[in-house]
Amino acid sequence: MAASFLSPHKEGVVVTVWVVPGSKKTTLAGLYGDFLKVKVTEPPESGRANKMVLSFLAGLCGIPAADALLLSGASSRNKRILLKNASIDVVSDKLRADGTGG
């Protein structure tokens, strides 16, 4: 069964995340309600934190960074990210392996 922060999309999987910018380390930090909590070292300036979240999630899920797209939340901590050409089961397994319990 997929985690509550994952949903299917016609082009892949949507991950709903809660971002904590300006952290000491880029990491998954478990759950925040129905969101996957992601800490990134970049500040929330000029889209730097957004770019890091996309790159980080793509790397964890084994897809090219260009296949991680921000669907909503460009200026919010709450973001919806599309991981193109990914399956919900594979993404769930990869995130679980990284410690979310996904």
Protein backbone atom coordinates (compact mmCIF):
# COMPACT_ATOMS: atom_id res chain seq x y z
CA MET A 1 0.00 0.00 0.00
CA ALA A 2 1.30 3.44 -0.93
CA ALA A 3 1.96 6.13 1.64
CA SER A 4 -0.52 9.00 2.09
CA PHE A 5 1.92 11.50 0.56
CA LEU A 6 2.06 9.56 -2.74
CA SER A 7 -0.60 9.61 -5.44
CA PRO A 8 -0.71 8.24 -8.97
CA HIS A 9 -0.54 10.62 -11.92
CA LYS A 10 -0.94 9.88 -15.64
CA GLU A 11 2.76 10.73 -16.13
CA GLY A 12 4.15 9.12 -12.96
CA VAL A 13 3.79 9.78 -9.24
CA VAL A 14 2.95 12.92 -7.26
CA VAL A 15 4.75 13.35 -3.95
CA THR A 16 3.32 15.87 -1.48
CA VAL A 17 6.15 17.32 0.60
CA TRP A 18 6.66 19.74 3.47
CA VAL A 19 10.00 21.48 2.97
CA VAL A 20 12.30 22.84 5.68
CA PRO A 21 14.82 25.08 3.90
CA GLY A 22 18.12 26.21 5.40
CA SER A 23 18.72 23.00 7.35
CA LYS A 24 22.15 21.70 8.33
CA LYS A 25 21.70 18.59 6.18
CA THR A 26 19.61 17.56 3.17
CA THR A 27 17.58 14.58 4.30
CA LEU A 28 14.19 12.98 4.62
CA ALA A 29 12.79 13.77 8.05
CA GLY A 30 9.85 11.40 8.27
CA LEU A 31 6.26 12.52 8.05
CA TYR A 32 4.57 15.83 8.82
CA GLY A 33 0.88 14.99 8.87
CA ASP A 34 0.12 13.65 5.40
CA PHE A 35 3.29 15.17 3.94
CA LEU A 36 6.77 13.77 3.42
CA LYS A 37 9.06 16.12 5.35
CA VAL A 38 12.20 17.04 3.42
CA LYS A 39 15.01 19.14 4.90
CA VAL A 40 17.34 20.92 2.48
CA THR A 41 20.45 23.01 3.06
CA GLU A 42 19.57 25.65 0.48
CA PRO A 43 17.67 28.79 1.53
CA PRO A 44 14.24 29.61 0.09
CA GLU A 45 15.66 32.32 -2.17
CA SER A 46 15.46 32.46 -5.96
CA GLY A 47 14.04 28.93 -6.08
CA ARG A 48 17.21 27.38 -4.68
CA ALA A 49 15.42 25.22 -2.08
CA ASN A 50 12.89 24.08 -4.71
CA LYS A 51 15.66 23.00 -7.07
CA MET A 52 17.40 21.09 -4.31
CA VAL A 53 14.18 19.28 -3.29
CA LEU A 54 13.57 18.22 -6.90
CA SER A 55 17.13 17.02 -7.36
CA PHE A 56 17.20 15.24 -4.00
CA LEU A 57 13.93 13.34 -4.57
CA ALA A 58 14.90 12.42 -8.12
CA GLY A 59 18.20 11.03 -6.86
CA LEU A 60 16.52 9.00 -4.12
CA CYS A 61 14.04 7.55 -6.58
CA GLY A 62 16.59 6.81 -9.28
CA ILE A 63 15.18 9.08 -11.97
CA PRO A 64 16.85 11.93 -13.89
CA ALA A 65 16.57 15.33 -12.18
CA ALA A 66 14.82 16.64 -15.30
CA ASP A 67 11.96 14.20 -14.60
CA ALA A 68 11.14 15.83 -11.23
CA LEU A 69 8.75 18.74 -11.76
CA LEU A 70 7.22 21.20 -9.30
CA LEU A 71 3.44 21.14 -9.86
CA SER A 72 2.49 23.55 -7.07
CA GLY A 73 3.89 25.35 -4.05
CA ALA A 74 6.73 27.38 -5.57
CA SER A 75 6.58 29.87 -2.69
CA SER A 76 5.16 27.57 0.00
CA ARG A 77 6.60 24.87 2.24
CA ASN A 78 3.81 22.58 1.01
CA LYS A 79 4.70 21.35 -2.47
CA ARG A 80 3.38 18.85 -5.00
CA ILE A 81 6.15 17.25 -7.04
CA LEU A 82 5.67 15.06 -10.09
CA LEU A 83 8.20 12.28 -10.56
CA LYS A 84 7.75 11.45 -14.23
CA ASN A 85 8.00 7.89 -15.51
CA ALA A 86 8.07 6.51 -11.97
CA SER A 87 5.75 3.93 -10.44
CA ILE A 88 4.13 4.48 -7.08
CA ASP A 89 5.37 1.11 -5.79
CA VAL A 90 9.00 1.82 -6.73
CA VAL A 91 8.91 5.34 -5.25
CA SER A 92 7.35 4.01 -2.05
CA ASP A 93 10.00 1.29 -1.79
CA LYS A 94 12.88 3.73 -2.43
CA LEU A 95 11.61 6.19 0.20
CA ARG A 96 10.98 3.40 2.70
CA ALA A 97 14.56 2.19 2.15
CA ASP A 98 15.76 5.70 2.96
CA GLY A 99 13.97 5.67 6.28
CA THR A 100 10.53 7.25 5.89
CA GLY A 101 8.58 4.11 6.56
CA GLY A 102 6.87 5.11 3.26
